[in-house]
């Protein structure tokens, strides 16, 4: 997932369903392919929410996100995407961010400031 250079990530979380075993989010250097792990969740029902309001992750130029889920289907049924948490799967990453270019031009009312 390409990300605007200079983006400040302040919150990161994920969503997967019952068959989900792991959810990984990495920062990838688009030139070298080097991978920097950012997030690992191993509990589909209680995903980790990383809040970094005071120390955001700065995304430099040439880096992007990649994420992947690992699933285990112990049933005889085919698992499809979407729908029921018991019979289907999802692999969704959500992040709150702002570009560095907005610092000083935005009024923050949430109680948190960059």
N, C-alpha and C. Protein backbone atom coordinates (compact mmCIF):
# COMPACT_ATOMS: atom_id res chain seq x y z
N UNK A 1 0.85 -1.16 0.00
CA UNK A 1 0.00 0.00 0.00
C UNK A 1 0.90 1.23 0.00
N UNK A 2 1.00 1.94 -1.10
CA UNK A 2 1.84 3.15 -1.13
C UNK A 2 1.35 4.16 -0.11
N UNK A 3 2.28 4.87 0.48
CA UNK A 3 1.98 5.85 1.52
C UNK A 3 2.67 7.15 1.16
N UNK A 4 1.98 8.27 1.35
CA UNK A 4 2.59 9.56 1.07
C UNK A 4 3.83 9.76 1.93
N UNK A 5 4.96 10.11 1.31
CA UNK A 5 6.19 10.36 2.06
C UNK A 5 5.92 11.44 3.09
N UNK A 6 6.42 11.22 4.29
CA UNK A 6 6.23 12.19 5.36
C UNK A 6 4.96 11.97 6.15
N UNK A 7 4.26 10.88 5.90
CA UNK A 7 3.06 10.58 6.69
C UNK A 7 3.46 10.16 8.10
N UNK A 8 2.68 10.62 9.07
CA UNK A 8 2.90 10.29 10.47
C UNK A 8 1.79 9.35 10.92
N UNK A 9 2.13 8.11 11.22
CA UNK A 9 1.16 7.12 11.66
C UNK A 9 1.02 7.24 13.17
N UNK A 10 -0.23 7.46 13.62
CA UNK A 10 -0.45 7.64 15.06
C UNK A 10 -1.31 6.53 15.67
N UNK A 11 -1.97 5.73 14.83
CA UNK A 11 -2.76 4.61 15.33
C UNK A 11 -2.79 3.54 14.26
N UNK A 12 -2.61 2.30 14.70
CA UNK A 12 -2.60 1.17 13.78
C UNK A 12 -3.33 0.01 14.45
N UNK A 13 -4.26 -0.60 13.73
CA UNK A 13 -4.98 -1.76 14.23
C UNK A 13 -5.40 -2.64 13.06
N UNK A 14 -5.95 -3.80 13.37
CA UNK A 14 -6.30 -4.76 12.34
C UNK A 14 -7.61 -5.46 12.66
N UNK A 15 -8.11 -6.21 11.67
CA UNK A 15 -9.34 -6.99 11.85
C UNK A 15 -9.24 -8.27 11.03
N UNK A 16 -9.45 -9.39 11.70
CA UNK A 16 -9.56 -10.68 11.02
C UNK A 16 -10.61 -11.49 11.77
N UNK A 17 -11.01 -12.62 11.20
CA UNK A 17 -12.07 -13.44 11.79
C UNK A 17 -11.53 -14.70 12.46
N UNK A 18 -12.44 -15.58 12.82
CA UNK A 18 -12.22 -16.76 13.66
C UNK A 18 -11.06 -17.66 13.22
N UNK A 19 -10.88 -17.85 11.93
CA UNK A 19 -9.81 -18.73 11.45
C UNK A 19 -8.44 -18.05 11.44
N UNK A 20 -8.42 -16.76 11.71
CA UNK A 20 -7.17 -16.01 11.67
C UNK A 20 -6.21 -16.42 12.78
N UNK A 21 -4.97 -16.69 12.41
CA UNK A 21 -3.93 -17.06 13.38
C UNK A 21 -2.97 -15.90 13.64
N UNK A 22 -2.51 -15.25 12.57
CA UNK A 22 -1.60 -14.11 12.74
C UNK A 22 -1.95 -13.02 11.73
N UNK A 23 -1.67 -11.80 12.14
CA UNK A 23 -1.80 -10.64 11.26
C UNK A 23 -0.50 -9.85 11.41
N UNK A 24 0.22 -9.69 10.32
CA UNK A 24 1.50 -8.97 10.33
C UNK A 24 1.40 -7.73 9.44
N UNK A 25 1.97 -6.63 9.92
CA UNK A 25 2.10 -5.41 9.14
C UNK A 25 3.58 -5.05 9.11
N UNK A 26 4.09 -4.82 7.91
CA UNK A 26 5.50 -4.47 7.73
C UNK A 26 5.63 -3.18 6.94
N UNK A 27 6.75 -2.51 7.15
CA UNK A 27 7.14 -1.37 6.34
C UNK A 27 8.20 -1.88 5.37
N UNK A 28 7.99 -1.66 4.07
CA UNK A 28 8.87 -2.21 3.04
C UNK A 28 9.60 -1.10 2.32
N UNK A 29 10.90 -1.26 2.18
CA UNK A 29 11.70 -0.34 1.37
C UNK A 29 11.50 -0.75 -0.08
N UNK A 30 10.89 0.12 -0.88
CA UNK A 30 10.54 -0.21 -2.26
C UNK A 30 11.76 -0.43 -3.15
N UNK A 31 12.91 0.14 -2.79
CA UNK A 31 14.11 0.00 -3.61
C UNK A 31 14.87 -1.29 -3.28
N UNK A 32 15.07 -1.56 -1.99
CA UNK A 32 15.89 -2.71 -1.59
C UNK A 32 15.08 -3.95 -1.24
N UNK A 33 13.79 -3.76 -0.96
CA UNK A 33 12.95 -4.88 -0.52
C UNK A 33 13.10 -5.19 0.95
N UNK A 34 13.91 -4.42 1.67
CA UNK A 34 14.10 -4.65 3.11
C UNK A 34 12.77 -4.48 3.84
N UNK A 35 12.54 -5.36 4.81
CA UNK A 35 11.29 -5.37 5.56
C UNK A 35 11.54 -5.00 7.01
N UNK A 36 10.72 -4.06 7.51
CA UNK A 36 10.77 -3.66 8.91
C UNK A 36 9.44 -4.03 9.56
N UNK A 37 9.43 -5.03 10.46
CA UNK A 37 8.17 -5.40 11.11
C UNK A 37 7.64 -4.25 11.98
N UNK A 38 6.34 -3.97 11.85
CA UNK A 38 5.71 -2.91 12.65
C UNK A 38 4.70 -3.45 13.65
N UNK A 39 4.03 -4.57 13.31
CA UNK A 39 2.87 -5.00 14.07
C UNK A 39 2.69 -6.50 13.92
N UNK A 40 2.33 -7.17 15.02
CA UNK A 40 2.00 -8.58 14.98
C UNK A 40 0.83 -8.82 15.93
N UNK A 41 -0.24 -9.41 15.42
CA UNK A 41 -1.38 -9.78 16.25
C UNK A 41 -1.63 -11.27 16.10
N UNK A 42 -1.79 -11.95 17.23
CA UNK A 42 -2.06 -13.39 17.22
C UNK A 42 -3.37 -13.74 17.92
N UNK A 43 -4.25 -12.76 18.06
CA UNK A 43 -5.53 -12.98 18.74
C UNK A 43 -6.61 -12.26 17.95
N UNK A 44 -7.33 -13.02 17.11
CA UNK A 44 -8.32 -12.40 16.23
C UNK A 44 -9.40 -11.64 17.01
N UNK A 45 -9.75 -12.11 18.19
CA UNK A 45 -10.85 -11.52 18.96
C UNK A 45 -10.44 -10.25 19.70
N UNK A 46 -9.14 -10.08 19.93
CA UNK A 46 -8.65 -8.92 20.69
C UNK A 46 -7.43 -8.33 19.99
N UNK A 47 -7.62 -7.69 18.85
CA UNK A 47 -6.46 -7.17 18.11
C UNK A 47 -5.77 -6.04 18.87
N UNK A 48 -4.49 -6.03 18.76
CA UNK A 48 -3.67 -4.97 19.34
C UNK A 48 -3.99 -3.66 18.63
N UNK A 49 -4.15 -2.59 19.39
CA UNK A 49 -4.26 -1.25 18.82
C UNK A 49 -3.03 -0.47 19.28
N UNK A 50 -2.17 -0.14 18.33
CA UNK A 50 -0.97 0.64 18.64
C UNK A 50 -1.33 2.12 18.55
N UNK A 51 -1.19 2.84 19.66
CA UNK A 51 -1.41 4.28 19.68
C UNK A 51 -0.07 4.97 19.88
N UNK A 52 0.29 5.85 18.94
CA UNK A 52 1.59 6.50 18.96
C UNK A 52 1.44 8.00 18.82
N UNK A 53 0.49 8.57 19.57
CA UNK A 53 0.19 10.00 19.46
C UNK A 53 1.41 10.86 19.77
N UNK A 54 2.19 10.47 20.76
CA UNK A 54 3.34 11.29 21.17
C UNK A 54 4.61 10.98 20.39
N UNK A 55 4.66 9.83 19.73
CA UNK A 55 5.84 9.44 18.95
C UNK A 55 5.38 8.70 17.69
N UNK A 56 4.82 9.43 16.72
CA UNK A 56 4.32 8.77 15.50
C UNK A 56 5.42 8.06 14.73
N UNK A 57 5.01 7.07 13.95
CA UNK A 57 5.93 6.43 13.01
C UNK A 57 5.95 7.29 11.76
N UNK A 58 7.10 7.84 11.42
CA UNK A 58 7.24 8.66 10.22
C UNK A 58 7.57 7.75 9.03
N UNK A 59 6.78 7.85 7.99
CA UNK A 59 6.99 7.04 6.79
C UNK A 59 7.83 7.86 5.80
N UNK A 60 9.08 7.46 5.59
CA UNK A 60 9.92 8.21 4.66
C UNK A 60 9.58 7.88 3.21
N UNK A 61 10.07 8.69 2.30
CA UNK A 61 9.88 8.45 0.87
C UNK A 61 10.48 7.09 0.51
N UNK A 62 9.80 6.36 -0.37
CA UNK A 62 10.31 5.08 -0.84
C UNK A 62 9.92 3.90 0.04
N UNK A 63 9.05 4.12 1.01
CA UNK A 63 8.59 3.02 1.87
C UNK A 63 7.08 2.87 1.72
N UNK A 64 6.61 1.66 1.93
CA UNK A 64 5.18 1.39 1.84
C UNK A 64 4.82 0.29 2.84
N UNK A 65 3.53 0.14 3.08
CA UNK A 65 3.03 -0.92 3.95
C UNK A 65 2.75 -2.18 3.16
N UNK A 66 2.95 -3.32 3.82
CA UNK A 66 2.40 -4.57 3.34
C UNK A 66 1.84 -5.28 4.56
N UNK A 67 0.76 -6.02 4.35
CA UNK A 67 0.21 -6.78 5.46
C UNK A 67 -0.25 -8.13 4.96
N UNK A 68 -0.26 -9.09 5.88
CA UNK A 68 -0.64 -10.46 5.52
C UNK A 68 -1.26 -11.14 6.72
N UNK A 69 -2.22 -12.01 6.44
CA UNK A 69 -2.87 -12.81 7.47
C UNK A 69 -2.59 -14.28 7.20
N UNK A 70 -2.47 -15.04 8.27
CA UNK A 70 -2.35 -16.49 8.20
C UNK A 70 -3.62 -17.08 8.80
N UNK A 71 -4.21 -18.04 8.10
CA UNK A 71 -5.46 -18.66 8.54
C UNK A 71 -5.27 -20.16 8.69
N UNK A 72 -6.05 -20.74 9.60
CA UNK A 72 -6.13 -22.19 9.73
C UNK A 72 -7.60 -22.56 9.69
N UNK A 73 -7.98 -23.34 8.68
CA UNK A 73 -9.36 -23.81 8.55
C UNK A 73 -9.39 -25.27 8.99
N UNK A 74 -9.87 -25.52 10.21
CA UNK A 74 -9.94 -26.88 10.75
C UNK A 74 -11.28 -27.56 10.43
N UNK A 75 -12.06 -26.94 9.54
CA UNK A 75 -13.35 -27.52 9.16
C UNK A 75 -13.25 -28.12 7.76
N UNK A 76 -14.31 -28.78 7.34
CA UNK A 76 -14.38 -29.30 5.97
C UNK A 76 -15.02 -28.29 5.02
N UNK A 77 -15.47 -27.18 5.56
CA UNK A 77 -16.16 -26.17 4.75
C UNK A 77 -15.15 -25.23 4.08
N UNK A 78 -15.50 -24.74 2.92
CA UNK A 78 -14.70 -23.72 2.24
C UNK A 78 -14.91 -22.38 2.93
N UNK A 79 -13.84 -21.67 3.19
CA UNK A 79 -13.91 -20.36 3.84
C UNK A 79 -13.78 -19.29 2.77
N UNK A 80 -14.73 -18.36 2.76
CA UNK A 80 -14.72 -17.24 1.82
C UNK A 80 -14.46 -15.94 2.57
N UNK A 81 -14.20 -14.88 1.85
CA UNK A 81 -14.00 -13.58 2.47
C UNK A 81 -15.31 -12.90 2.83
N UNK A 82 -15.28 -12.11 3.91
CA UNK A 82 -16.44 -11.32 4.32
C UNK A 82 -17.42 -12.09 5.17
N UNK A 83 -18.56 -11.45 5.46
CA UNK A 83 -19.66 -12.12 6.16
C UNK A 83 -19.38 -12.50 7.60
N UNK A 84 -19.81 -13.69 7.97
CA UNK A 84 -19.77 -14.18 9.34
C UNK A 84 -18.35 -14.34 9.88
N UNK A 85 -18.15 -13.95 11.12
CA UNK A 85 -16.85 -14.12 11.76
C UNK A 85 -16.53 -15.59 12.00
N UNK A 86 -17.54 -16.44 12.05
CA UNK A 86 -17.34 -17.87 12.29
C UNK A 86 -17.06 -18.66 11.02
N UNK A 87 -17.59 -18.22 9.88
CA UNK A 87 -17.50 -19.02 8.65
C UNK A 87 -16.78 -18.32 7.51
N UNK A 88 -16.36 -17.09 7.69
CA UNK A 88 -15.69 -16.34 6.63
C UNK A 88 -14.46 -15.66 7.20
N UNK A 89 -13.65 -15.07 6.35
CA UNK A 89 -12.42 -14.41 6.80
C UNK A 89 -12.29 -13.01 6.24
N UNK A 90 -11.50 -12.21 6.94
CA UNK A 90 -11.13 -10.86 6.52
C UNK A 90 -9.68 -10.62 6.91
N UNK A 91 -9.06 -9.67 6.24
CA UNK A 91 -7.68 -9.27 6.55
C UNK A 91 -7.60 -7.76 6.29
N UNK A 92 -7.97 -6.97 7.32
CA UNK A 92 -8.11 -5.52 7.15
C UNK A 92 -7.15 -4.80 8.10
N UNK A 93 -6.36 -3.87 7.56
CA UNK A 93 -5.52 -3.00 8.36
C UNK A 93 -6.12 -1.61 8.34
N UNK A 94 -6.12 -0.95 9.50
CA UNK A 94 -6.58 0.44 9.58
C UNK A 94 -5.52 1.28 10.26
N UNK A 95 -5.29 2.47 9.73
CA UNK A 95 -4.29 3.36 10.31
C UNK A 95 -4.81 4.80 10.29
N UNK A 96 -4.52 5.54 11.34
CA UNK A 96 -4.77 6.98 11.38
C UNK A 96 -3.43 7.66 11.12
N UNK A 97 -3.44 8.65 10.25
CA UNK A 97 -2.19 9.33 9.92
C UNK A 97 -2.48 10.75 9.47
N UNK A 98 -1.43 11.55 9.41
CA UNK A 98 -1.49 12.85 8.76
C UNK A 98 -0.16 13.10 8.08
N UNK A 99 -0.18 13.79 6.95
CA UNK A 99 1.07 14.14 6.27
C UNK A 99 1.80 15.24 7.02
N UNK A 100 3.12 15.17 7.03
CA UNK A 100 3.93 16.20 7.68
C UNK A 100 3.61 17.57 7.12
N UNK A 101 3.21 17.64 5.86
CA UNK A 101 2.92 18.93 5.23
C UNK A 101 1.76 19.66 5.91
N UNK A 102 0.94 18.97 6.72
CA UNK A 102 -0.19 19.62 7.40
C UNK A 102 0.17 20.18 8.77
N UNK A 103 1.33 19.82 9.30
CA UNK A 103 1.70 20.31 10.63
C UNK A 103 1.79 21.83 10.59
N UNK A 104 1.14 22.45 11.54
CA UNK A 104 1.09 23.91 11.61
C UNK A 104 -0.07 24.51 10.84
N UNK A 105 -0.77 23.70 10.04
CA UNK A 105 -1.91 24.20 9.26
C UNK A 105 -3.24 23.59 9.70
N UNK A 106 -3.20 22.73 10.71
CA UNK A 106 -4.41 22.03 11.15
C UNK A 106 -4.63 22.31 12.63
N UNK A 107 -5.86 22.54 13.02
CA UNK A 107 -6.22 22.68 14.42
C UNK A 107 -6.68 21.33 14.94
N UNK A 108 -6.08 20.88 16.03
CA UNK A 108 -6.41 19.57 16.60
C UNK A 108 -7.35 19.77 17.78
N UNK A 109 -8.48 19.09 17.77
CA UNK A 109 -9.47 19.21 18.83
C UNK A 109 -9.64 17.93 19.62
N UNK A 110 -8.85 16.91 19.38
CA UNK A 110 -9.04 15.60 20.00
C UNK A 110 -8.37 15.46 21.34
N UNK A 111 -7.62 16.45 21.77
CA UNK A 111 -6.85 16.31 22.99
C UNK A 111 -5.44 15.81 22.72
N UNK A 112 -5.20 15.34 21.50
CA UNK A 112 -3.87 14.88 21.09
C UNK A 112 -3.35 15.83 20.01
N UNK A 113 -2.08 16.11 20.04
CA UNK A 113 -1.51 17.00 19.04
C UNK A 113 -0.25 16.38 18.47
N UNK A 114 0.05 16.66 17.22
CA UNK A 114 1.32 16.19 16.64
C UNK A 114 2.47 17.03 17.16
